[in-house]
Amino acid sequence: MKHYFVKVKVQAGEYQKIVSKLVESDSESEACNMALLNECHGDNPEWHDGGIIDMRWEFYYTILSIKVHESGRRFLNLYSILPRFFT
């Protein structure tokens, strides 16, 4: 398993925010999908143009994914950030 730091962009009308997530996965694409689905709040998210539409276009989620290298993992362990996200 590899560890990924995934930034999810949430667009809600003119409002926009960036959410950061740590994801453990075998591949970058799986990590991105997991992060997007985890951020959704609606019952029927739809895949659209590399992102997810949620609640009939109320929200649109897209991603930027960066792999966390072992040195990054040691840093996260040092500051007790990693266990919180993987338990």
Protein backbone atom coordinates (compact mmCIF):
# COMPACT_ATOMS: atom_id res chain seq x y z
CA MET A 1 0.00 0.00 0.00
CA LYS A 2 1.08 3.54 -0.77
CA HIS A 3 0.06 6.70 1.01
CA TYR A 4 -1.37 9.66 -0.88
CA PHE A 5 -2.07 13.22 0.09
CA VAL A 6 -5.17 14.17 -1.92
CA LYS A 7 -6.52 17.68 -2.30
CA VAL A 8 -10.23 17.76 -3.11
CA LYS A 9 -11.66 20.94 -4.58
CA VAL A 10 -15.30 21.45 -3.57
CA GLN A 11 -17.32 23.82 -5.75
CA ALA A 12 -20.74 24.91 -4.42
CA GLY A 13 -22.07 27.64 -6.69
CA GLU A 14 -19.63 30.53 -6.39
CA TYR A 15 -18.24 29.17 -3.12
CA GLN A 16 -15.08 27.07 -3.36
CA LYS A 17 -12.92 25.30 -0.80
CA ILE A 18 -10.00 22.87 -0.80
CA VAL A 19 -10.07 19.84 1.52
CA SER A 20 -6.94 17.76 2.20
CA LYS A 21 -7.14 14.03 2.85
CA LEU A 22 -4.64 11.27 3.53
CA VAL A 23 -5.53 8.03 1.76
CA GLU A 24 -3.94 4.58 1.87
CA SER A 25 -4.33 2.78 -1.46
CA ASP A 26 -2.68 0.51 -4.01
CA SER A 27 -2.90 3.09 -6.83
CA GLU A 28 -3.17 6.82 -7.33
CA SER A 29 -6.47 6.54 -9.24
CA GLU A 30 -8.03 4.42 -6.47
CA ALA A 31 -6.85 6.94 -3.87
CA CYS A 32 -8.41 9.80 -5.83
CA ASN A 33 -11.71 7.95 -6.20
CA MET A 34 -11.77 7.11 -2.48
CA ALA A 35 -11.11 10.75 -1.52
CA LEU A 36 -13.85 12.05 -3.84
CA LEU A 37 -16.44 9.54 -2.66
CA ASN A 38 -15.53 10.18 0.98
CA GLU A 39 -16.13 13.91 0.59
CA CYS A 40 -19.57 13.51 -1.07
CA HIS A 41 -22.66 13.94 1.06
CA GLY A 42 -25.49 13.00 -1.31
CA ASP A 43 -27.00 9.58 -1.90
CA ASN A 44 -26.43 9.41 -5.67
CA PRO A 45 -23.13 10.97 -6.72
CA GLU A 46 -22.50 10.96 -10.47
CA TRP A 47 -19.10 10.86 -12.20
CA HIS A 48 -18.68 13.76 -14.62
CA ASP A 49 -15.59 14.99 -16.49
CA GLY A 50 -13.03 13.63 -14.00
CA GLY A 51 -14.98 14.69 -10.91
CA ILE A 52 -18.20 13.99 -9.06
CA ILE A 53 -21.52 15.83 -9.20
CA ASP A 54 -23.43 15.66 -5.94
CA MET A 55 -26.99 16.62 -5.01
CA ARG A 56 -28.05 17.56 -8.57
CA TRP A 57 -25.14 19.97 -9.26
CA GLU A 58 -25.27 21.54 -5.80
CA PHE A 59 -21.66 20.38 -5.36
CA TYR A 60 -18.92 19.47 -7.81
CA TYR A 61 -15.77 17.72 -6.53
CA THR A 62 -12.45 17.47 -8.38
CA ILE A 63 -8.99 16.31 -7.29
CA LEU A 64 -5.27 16.95 -7.18
CA SER A 65 -3.29 13.98 -5.88
CA ILE A 66 0.28 13.83 -4.61
CA LYS A 67 1.97 10.64 -3.40
CA VAL A 68 3.44 10.82 0.09
CA HIS A 69 6.95 9.36 0.06
CA GLU A 70 8.41 7.42 3.01
CA SER A 71 10.12 10.55 4.31
CA GLY A 72 6.70 12.21 4.36
CA ARG A 73 5.24 9.23 6.18
CA ARG A 74 7.95 9.45 8.88
CA PHE A 75 7.11 13.13 9.32
CA LEU A 76 3.38 12.36 9.69
CA ASN A 77 4.12 9.60 12.20
CA LEU A 78 6.39 11.92 14.17
CA TYR A 79 3.58 14.43 14.65
CA SER A 80 0.93 11.72 15.22
CA ILE A 81 -1.06 12.81 12.18
CA LEU A 82 -0.98 9.50 10.29
CA PRO A 83 -2.73 7.22 12.81
CA ARG A 84 -5.73 9.56 13.07
CA PHE A 85 -6.46 9.25 9.33
CA PHE A 86 -5.87 5.51 8.93
CA THR A 87 -7.84 4.15 11.87
